[in-house]
Amino acid sequence: MLLTPGLFIFHDKVILPRAAKGLAREQDTIDGPADIIIAGHGRVGGIVKRMLEGGGFDPTVIDYSAAQIDTLRLYGLRAYFGDATRPDMLEAAGIRSAKMLIVTIDDREKATQLVAYVKEHFPPRPRHRPRPRQAPCLRAI
């Protein structure tokens, strides 16, 4: 019990930094713009991606987990390693022409900042919505 705090400090200061050096990776370059961008691929992002693929869409996934991205690429999916909260990564993914951005980042603060950034710099484009037809009232109750 006497050594436990010292071992934890040693682990945090010496072992983790050395292990993290081997995991460092550069951001991927994105091939081209996408119609649908999914920022984050955890449990929720994976479910959303499968639903979109089932509907015939081809979403682009941006995530900071190298292992997750490598697994997705094994299945031939458009997945890129990088921080989706960075403006240059969003630009490369085609945020200007994208029809949808789905944020499934697990960090609430980063997700809020991402949504605020996108709303400020890329406001939603107005869509033409037809007026609902007014059906005549057949019977008053």
N, C-alpha and C. Protein backbone atom coordinates (compact mmCIF):
# COMPACT_ATOMS: atom_id res chain seq x y z
N MET A 1 0.83 -1.19 0.00
CA MET A 1 0.00 0.00 0.00
C MET A 1 0.87 1.25 0.00
N LEU A 2 2.00 1.14 0.52
CA LEU A 2 2.89 2.28 0.59
C LEU A 2 3.42 2.67 -0.80
N LEU A 3 3.62 1.70 -1.66
CA LEU A 3 4.17 1.95 -2.98
C LEU A 3 3.13 2.33 -4.04
N THR A 4 1.88 2.07 -3.77
CA THR A 4 0.83 2.27 -4.77
C THR A 4 0.78 3.71 -5.31
N PRO A 5 0.72 4.74 -4.50
CA PRO A 5 0.68 6.10 -5.06
C PRO A 5 1.91 6.41 -5.92
N GLY A 6 3.07 5.97 -5.49
CA GLY A 6 4.28 6.20 -6.28
C GLY A 6 4.24 5.47 -7.61
N LEU A 7 3.69 4.26 -7.63
CA LEU A 7 3.58 3.51 -8.88
C LEU A 7 2.59 4.18 -9.84
N PHE A 8 1.49 4.72 -9.32
CA PHE A 8 0.55 5.43 -10.17
C PHE A 8 1.19 6.67 -10.78
N ILE A 9 1.94 7.41 -9.99
CA ILE A 9 2.63 8.59 -10.50
C ILE A 9 3.65 8.19 -11.56
N PHE A 10 4.40 7.14 -11.31
CA PHE A 10 5.38 6.64 -12.28
C PHE A 10 4.68 6.23 -13.58
N HIS A 11 3.56 5.57 -13.46
CA HIS A 11 2.80 5.15 -14.64
C HIS A 11 2.35 6.35 -15.45
N ASP A 12 1.79 7.35 -14.77
CA ASP A 12 1.28 8.54 -15.47
C ASP A 12 2.39 9.39 -16.09
N LYS A 13 3.51 9.51 -15.42
CA LYS A 13 4.58 10.40 -15.87
C LYS A 13 5.56 9.74 -16.83
N VAL A 14 5.76 8.42 -16.73
CA VAL A 14 6.80 7.77 -17.53
C VAL A 14 6.22 6.82 -18.57
N ILE A 15 5.38 5.92 -18.15
CA ILE A 15 4.93 4.86 -19.05
C ILE A 15 3.92 5.37 -20.08
N LEU A 16 2.90 6.11 -19.67
CA LEU A 16 1.89 6.60 -20.61
C LEU A 16 2.46 7.51 -21.69
N PRO A 17 3.32 8.48 -21.38
CA PRO A 17 3.87 9.31 -22.47
C PRO A 17 4.65 8.50 -23.50
N ARG A 18 5.37 7.49 -23.06
CA ARG A 18 6.12 6.66 -24.01
C ARG A 18 5.18 5.83 -24.88
N ALA A 19 4.12 5.33 -24.30
CA ALA A 19 3.16 4.54 -25.06
C ALA A 19 2.39 5.42 -26.04
N ALA A 20 2.11 6.65 -25.66
CA ALA A 20 1.34 7.55 -26.52
C ALA A 20 2.14 7.97 -27.75
N LYS A 21 3.48 8.01 -27.67
CA LYS A 21 4.30 8.39 -28.82
C LYS A 21 4.10 7.42 -29.97
N GLY A 22 3.94 6.16 -29.69
CA GLY A 22 3.74 5.17 -30.73
C GLY A 22 2.37 5.25 -31.37
N LEU A 23 1.41 5.88 -30.70
CA LEU A 23 0.05 5.98 -31.22
C LEU A 23 -0.21 7.25 -32.01
N ALA A 24 0.76 8.18 -32.00
CA ALA A 24 0.57 9.45 -32.70
C ALA A 24 0.41 9.18 -34.20
N ARG A 25 -0.48 9.91 -34.83
CA ARG A 25 -0.76 9.69 -36.25
C ARG A 25 -1.20 11.01 -36.86
N GLU A 26 -0.81 11.23 -38.09
CA GLU A 26 -1.20 12.43 -38.81
C GLU A 26 -2.65 12.29 -39.28
N GLN A 27 -3.29 13.43 -39.47
CA GLN A 27 -4.65 13.41 -39.99
C GLN A 27 -4.64 12.91 -41.43
N ASP A 28 -5.68 12.21 -41.81
CA ASP A 28 -5.80 11.72 -43.17
C ASP A 28 -6.22 12.86 -44.10
N THR A 29 -5.89 12.70 -45.37
CA THR A 29 -6.40 13.64 -46.36
C THR A 29 -7.67 13.04 -46.95
N ILE A 30 -8.68 13.85 -47.05
CA ILE A 30 -9.98 13.38 -47.50
C ILE A 30 -10.04 13.47 -49.02
N ASP A 31 -10.52 12.41 -49.64
CA ASP A 31 -10.53 12.30 -51.11
C ASP A 31 -11.39 13.36 -51.78
N GLY A 32 -12.59 13.53 -51.31
CA GLY A 32 -13.49 14.48 -51.95
C GLY A 32 -14.65 14.82 -51.05
N PRO A 33 -15.47 15.76 -51.49
CA PRO A 33 -16.60 16.18 -50.65
C PRO A 33 -17.63 15.08 -50.51
N ALA A 34 -18.38 15.17 -49.43
CA ALA A 34 -19.41 14.17 -49.14
C ALA A 34 -20.75 14.87 -48.91
N ASP A 35 -21.81 14.16 -49.20
CA ASP A 35 -23.15 14.70 -48.93
C ASP A 35 -23.51 14.61 -47.46
N ILE A 36 -23.04 13.55 -46.81
CA ILE A 36 -23.35 13.34 -45.39
C ILE A 36 -22.04 13.10 -44.65
N ILE A 37 -21.82 13.88 -43.59
CA ILE A 37 -20.62 13.76 -42.79
C ILE A 37 -21.03 13.34 -41.38
N ILE A 38 -20.40 12.29 -40.88
CA ILE A 38 -20.64 11.85 -39.50
C ILE A 38 -19.37 12.17 -38.71
N ALA A 39 -19.50 13.04 -37.72
CA ALA A 39 -18.38 13.42 -36.87
C ALA A 39 -18.41 12.55 -35.62
N GLY A 40 -17.52 11.58 -35.57
CA GLY A 40 -17.47 10.65 -34.44
C GLY A 40 -18.12 9.33 -34.81
N HIS A 41 -17.45 8.24 -34.47
CA HIS A 41 -18.00 6.93 -34.79
C HIS A 41 -17.90 6.03 -33.57
N GLY A 42 -18.79 6.24 -32.65
CA GLY A 42 -18.88 5.36 -31.49
C GLY A 42 -20.09 4.48 -31.67
N ARG A 43 -20.78 4.20 -30.59
CA ARG A 43 -21.99 3.37 -30.69
C ARG A 43 -23.07 4.08 -31.50
N VAL A 44 -23.33 5.32 -31.17
CA VAL A 44 -24.39 6.06 -31.86
C VAL A 44 -24.01 6.33 -33.31
N GLY A 45 -22.78 6.75 -33.55
CA GLY A 45 -22.34 7.02 -34.91
C GLY A 45 -22.39 5.78 -35.79
N GLY A 46 -22.06 4.63 -35.21
CA GLY A 46 -22.13 3.38 -35.96
C GLY A 46 -23.55 3.01 -36.34
N ILE A 47 -24.48 3.22 -35.43
CA ILE A 47 -25.89 2.92 -35.72
C ILE A 47 -26.41 3.85 -36.80
N VAL A 48 -26.09 5.14 -36.69
CA VAL A 48 -26.54 6.11 -37.69
C VAL A 48 -25.94 5.77 -39.05
N LYS A 49 -24.67 5.41 -39.08
CA LYS A 49 -24.01 5.06 -40.34
C LYS A 49 -24.68 3.86 -41.00
N ARG A 50 -24.99 2.84 -40.21
CA ARG A 50 -25.65 1.65 -40.77
C ARG A 50 -27.05 1.98 -41.28
N MET A 51 -27.76 2.85 -40.59
CA MET A 51 -29.09 3.25 -41.05
C MET A 51 -29.00 4.00 -42.39
N LEU A 52 -28.03 4.89 -42.49
CA LEU A 52 -27.86 5.64 -43.74
C LEU A 52 -27.45 4.73 -44.88
N GLU A 53 -26.54 3.80 -44.61
CA GLU A 53 -26.13 2.87 -45.65
C GLU A 53 -27.29 1.99 -46.08
N GLY A 54 -28.14 1.60 -45.14
CA GLY A 54 -29.33 0.82 -45.47
C GLY A 54 -30.29 1.58 -46.36
N GLY A 55 -30.27 2.90 -46.24
CA GLY A 55 -31.13 3.75 -47.08
C GLY A 55 -30.50 4.11 -48.40
N GLY A 56 -29.29 3.60 -48.67
CA GLY A 56 -28.65 3.86 -49.95
C GLY A 56 -27.72 5.06 -49.96
N PHE A 57 -27.40 5.62 -48.81
CA PHE A 57 -26.51 6.77 -48.73
C PHE A 57 -25.09 6.30 -48.44
N ASP A 58 -24.12 7.17 -48.78
CA ASP A 58 -22.71 6.85 -48.56
C ASP A 58 -22.10 7.94 -47.66
N PRO A 59 -22.22 7.78 -46.34
CA PRO A 59 -21.69 8.82 -45.44
C PRO A 59 -20.18 8.75 -45.31
N THR A 60 -19.59 9.89 -44.97
CA THR A 60 -18.17 9.97 -44.67
C THR A 60 -18.01 10.11 -43.17
N VAL A 61 -17.17 9.26 -42.59
CA VAL A 61 -16.96 9.25 -41.14
C VAL A 61 -15.62 9.90 -40.83
N ILE A 62 -15.62 10.81 -39.84
CA ILE A 62 -14.39 11.40 -39.34
C ILE A 62 -14.33 11.08 -37.86
N ASP A 63 -13.22 10.45 -37.43
CA ASP A 63 -13.08 10.08 -36.03
C ASP A 63 -11.62 10.18 -35.63
N TYR A 64 -11.36 10.34 -34.36
CA TYR A 64 -9.99 10.46 -33.88
C TYR A 64 -9.45 9.15 -33.32
N SER A 65 -10.19 8.07 -33.43
CA SER A 65 -9.73 6.76 -32.97
C SER A 65 -9.12 6.02 -34.17
N ALA A 66 -7.81 5.87 -34.15
CA ALA A 66 -7.12 5.22 -35.27
C ALA A 66 -7.57 3.78 -35.45
N ALA A 67 -7.76 3.07 -34.36
CA ALA A 67 -8.18 1.67 -34.45
C ALA A 67 -9.57 1.55 -35.07
N GLN A 68 -10.45 2.46 -34.70
CA GLN A 68 -11.82 2.45 -35.24
C GLN A 68 -11.80 2.73 -36.74
N ILE A 69 -11.00 3.69 -37.16
CA ILE A 69 -10.93 4.06 -38.57
C ILE A 69 -10.33 2.91 -39.39
N ASP A 70 -9.29 2.29 -38.88
CA ASP A 70 -8.68 1.16 -39.59
C ASP A 70 -9.67 0.01 -39.76
N THR A 71 -10.48 -0.24 -38.75
CA THR A 71 -11.50 -1.28 -38.84
C THR A 71 -12.55 -0.94 -39.89
N LEU A 72 -12.98 0.31 -39.93
CA LEU A 72 -13.98 0.71 -40.93
C LEU A 72 -13.42 0.61 -42.35
N ARG A 73 -12.15 0.93 -42.51
CA ARG A 73 -11.54 0.85 -43.84
C ARG A 73 -11.42 -0.59 -44.34
N LEU A 74 -11.30 -1.52 -43.41
CA LEU A 74 -11.25 -2.93 -43.82
C LEU A 74 -12.53 -3.32 -44.56
N TYR A 75 -13.63 -2.69 -44.22
CA TYR A 75 -14.92 -2.98 -44.86
C TYR A 75 -15.18 -2.07 -46.05
N GLY A 76 -14.19 -1.27 -46.44
CA GLY A 76 -14.33 -0.43 -47.63
C GLY A 76 -15.16 0.83 -47.42
N LEU A 77 -15.25 1.31 -46.20
CA LEU A 77 -16.06 2.49 -45.93
C LEU A 77 -15.22 3.75 -46.00
N ARG A 78 -15.88 4.87 -46.29
CA ARG A 78 -15.19 6.16 -46.32
C ARG A 78 -15.02 6.64 -44.89
N ALA A 79 -13.86 6.39 -44.33
CA ALA A 79 -13.57 6.76 -42.95
C ALA A 79 -12.19 7.41 -42.90
N TYR A 80 -12.11 8.49 -42.16
CA TYR A 80 -10.87 9.25 -42.11
C TYR A 80 -10.50 9.56 -40.67
N PHE A 81 -9.19 9.50 -40.40
CA PHE A 81 -8.69 9.81 -39.08
C PHE A 81 -8.46 11.31 -39.00
N GLY A 82 -8.99 11.91 -37.94
CA GLY A 82 -8.78 13.34 -37.74
C GLY A 82 -9.76 13.88 -36.71
N ASP A 83 -9.55 15.12 -36.37
CA ASP A 83 -10.40 15.81 -35.41
C ASP A 83 -11.48 16.55 -36.17
N ALA A 84 -12.71 16.10 -36.04
CA ALA A 84 -13.82 16.69 -36.78
C ALA A 84 -14.16 18.10 -36.32
N THR A 85 -13.62 18.52 -35.18
CA THR A 85 -13.89 19.88 -34.71
C THR A 85 -12.96 20.91 -35.35
N ARG A 86 -11.98 20.45 -36.12
CA ARG A 86 -11.07 21.38 -36.79
C ARG A 86 -11.69 21.87 -38.09
N PRO A 87 -11.69 23.18 -38.31
CA PRO A 87 -12.30 23.73 -39.52
C PRO A 87 -11.69 23.21 -40.82
N ASP A 88 -10.38 23.00 -40.86
CA ASP A 88 -9.77 22.52 -42.09
C ASP A 88 -10.21 21.10 -42.43
N MET A 89 -10.45 20.29 -41.42
CA MET A 89 -10.93 18.93 -41.66
C MET A 89 -12.36 18.96 -42.21
N LEU A 90 -13.19 19.84 -41.66
CA LEU A 90 -14.56 19.97 -42.16
C LEU A 90 -14.58 20.48 -43.60
N GLU A 91 -13.71 21.44 -43.90
CA GLU A 91 -13.63 21.97 -45.27
C GLU A 91 -13.23 20.87 -46.24
N ALA A 92 -12.25 20.07 -45.86
CA ALA A 92 -11.79 18.98 -46.72
C ALA A 92 -12.88 17.94 -46.93
N ALA A 93 -13.71 17.74 -45.92
CA ALA A 93 -14.80 16.76 -46.03
C ALA A 93 -15.95 17.29 -46.88
N GLY A 94 -15.95 18.58 -47.16
CA GLY A 94 -16.99 19.15 -48.02
C GLY A 94 -18.16 19.71 -47.26
N ILE A 95 -17.91 20.36 -46.13
CA ILE A 95 -19.01 20.88 -45.31
C ILE A 95 -19.81 21.95 -46.06
N ARG A 96 -19.19 22.65 -46.99
CA ARG A 96 -19.90 23.71 -47.72
C ARG A 96 -21.02 23.15 -48.59
N SER A 97 -20.80 21.98 -49.16
CA SER A 97 -21.81 21.40 -50.04
C SER A 97 -22.56 20.24 -49.40
N ALA A 98 -22.19 19.88 -48.18
CA ALA A 98 -22.84 18.74 -47.52
C ALA A 98 -24.31 19.05 -47.22
N LYS A 99 -25.11 18.04 -47.35
CA LYS A 99 -26.53 18.20 -47.05
C LYS A 99 -26.82 17.94 -45.57
N MET A 100 -25.91 17.20 -44.91
CA MET A 100 -26.17 16.85 -43.53
C MET A 100 -24.85 16.64 -42.78
N LEU A 101 -24.80 17.16 -41.56
CA LEU A 101 -23.69 16.89 -40.64
C LEU A 101 -24.30 16.26 -39.41
N ILE A 102 -23.83 15.08 -39.08
CA ILE A 102 -24.33 14.36 -37.91
C ILE A 102 -23.21 14.33 -36.88
N VAL A 103 -23.45 14.92 -35.72
CA VAL A 103 -22.43 15.02 -34.68
C VAL A 103 -22.71 13.97 -33.62
N THR A 104 -21.81 13.00 -33.51
CA THR A 104 -21.94 11.95 -32.50
C THR A 104 -20.67 11.87 -31.66
N ILE A 105 -20.07 13.02 -31.42
CA ILE A 105 -18.86 13.09 -30.59
C ILE A 105 -19.27 12.91 -29.14
N ASP A 106 -18.49 12.13 -28.41
CA ASP A 106 -18.86 11.83 -27.02
C ASP A 106 -18.55 12.97 -26.05
N ASP A 107 -17.72 13.92 -26.43
CA ASP A 107 -17.40 15.05 -25.58
C ASP A 107 -18.43 16.15 -25.81
N ARG A 108 -19.27 16.41 -24.81
CA ARG A 108 -20.38 17.35 -24.96
C ARG A 108 -19.90 18.75 -25.32
N GLU A 109 -18.82 19.20 -24.68
CA GLU A 109 -18.32 20.55 -24.94
C GLU A 109 -17.82 20.70 -26.37
N LYS A 110 -17.07 19.71 -26.86
CA LYS A 110 -16.59 19.76 -28.24
C LYS A 110 -17.73 19.68 -29.24
N ALA A 111 -18.71 18.86 -28.94
CA ALA A 111 -19.86 18.75 -29.84
C ALA A 111 -20.62 20.07 -29.92
N THR A 112 -20.79 20.73 -28.78
CA THR A 112 -21.48 22.02 -28.75
C THR A 112 -20.68 23.06 -29.53
N GLN A 113 -19.37 23.08 -29.36
CA GLN A 113 -18.53 24.02 -30.10
C GLN A 113 -18.60 23.75 -31.61
N LEU A 114 -18.60 22.48 -31.99
CA LEU A 114 -18.69 22.13 -33.41
C LEU A 114 -19.99 22.61 -34.02
N VAL A 115 -21.09 22.36 -33.33
CA VAL A 115 -22.40 22.78 -33.85
C VAL A 115 -22.47 24.30 -33.94
N ALA A 116 -21.96 25.00 -32.94
CA ALA A 116 -21.97 26.47 -32.97
C ALA A 116 -21.13 27.00 -34.12
N TYR A 117 -19.97 26.38 -34.35
CA TYR A 117 -19.11 26.80 -35.45
C TYR A 117 -19.80 26.60 -36.80
N VAL A 118 -20.40 25.45 -36.98
CA VAL A 118 -21.05 25.15 -38.26
C VAL A 118 -22.25 26.06 -38.47
N LYS A 119 -23.02 26.33 -37.43
CA LYS A 119 -24.18 27.22 -37.57
C LYS A 119 -23.75 28.63 -37.92
N GLU A 120 -22.62 29.06 -37.36
CA GLU A 120 -22.15 30.42 -37.62
C GLU A 120 -21.56 30.58 -39.02
N HIS A 121 -20.74 29.62 -39.44
CA HIS A 121 -20.02 29.76 -40.70
C HIS A 121 -20.73 29.14 -41.90
N PHE A 122 -21.61 28.21 -41.67
CA PHE A 122 -22.32 27.54 -42.75
C PHE A 122 -23.81 27.46 -42.41
N PRO A 123 -24.50 28.59 -42.46
CA PRO A 123 -25.92 28.56 -42.08
C PRO A 123 -26.72 27.67 -43.03
N PRO A 124 -27.80 27.11 -42.53
CA PRO A 124 -28.61 26.23 -43.38
C PRO A 124 -29.13 26.98 -44.60
N ARG A 125 -29.09 26.29 -45.73
CA ARG A 125 -29.60 26.88 -46.96
C ARG A 125 -31.12 26.77 -46.96
N PRO A 126 -31.80 27.84 -47.41
CA PRO A 126 -33.27 27.76 -47.43
C PRO A 126 -33.72 26.71 -48.45
N ARG A 127 -34.73 25.97 -48.08
CA ARG A 127 -35.30 24.97 -48.97
C ARG A 127 -36.71 25.39 -49.32
N HIS A 128 -37.10 25.05 -50.51
CA HIS A 128 -38.47 25.33 -50.92
C HIS A 128 -39.37 24.26 -50.34
N ARG A 129 -40.31 24.69 -49.57
CA ARG A 129 -41.28 23.75 -49.00
C ARG A 129 -42.66 24.08 -49.56
N PRO A 130 -43.27 23.11 -50.17
CA PRO A 130 -44.60 23.38 -50.73
C PRO A 130 -45.60 23.63 -49.60
N ARG A 131 -46.55 24.47 -49.89
CA ARG A 131 -47.58 24.75 -48.90
C ARG A 131 -48.47 23.53 -48.75
N PRO A 132 -48.83 23.21 -47.54
CA PRO A 132 -49.71 22.05 -47.36
C PRO A 132 -51.07 22.31 -47.98
N ARG A 133 -51.58 21.28 -48.61
CA ARG A 133 -52.91 21.42 -49.20
C ARG A 133 -53.94 21.43 -48.09
N GLN A 134 -54.88 22.29 -48.24
CA GLN A 134 -55.91 22.37 -47.24
C GLN A 134 -57.10 21.54 -47.71
N ALA A 135 -57.32 20.48 -46.98
CA ALA A 135 -58.44 19.60 -47.32
C ALA A 135 -59.72 20.22 -46.78
N PRO A 136 -60.78 20.13 -47.54
CA PRO A 136 -62.05 20.68 -47.04
C PRO A 136 -62.55 19.87 -45.84
N CYS A 137 -63.15 20.55 -44.94
CA CYS A 137 -63.69 19.89 -43.76
C CYS A 137 -64.96 19.15 -44.16
N LEU A 138 -64.96 17.85 -43.94
CA LEU A 138 -66.13 17.05 -44.32
C LEU A 138 -67.19 17.05 -43.23
N ARG A 139 -66.75 17.08 -42.01
CA ARG A 139 -67.72 16.98 -40.92
C ARG A 139 -67.15 17.69 -39.69
N ALA A 140 -67.92 18.51 -39.07
CA ALA A 140 -67.51 19.19 -37.85
C ALA A 140 -67.99 18.38 -36.67
N ILE A 141 -67.14 18.18 -35.71
CA ILE A 141 -67.52 17.39 -34.53
C ILE A 141 -67.72 18.30 -33.35
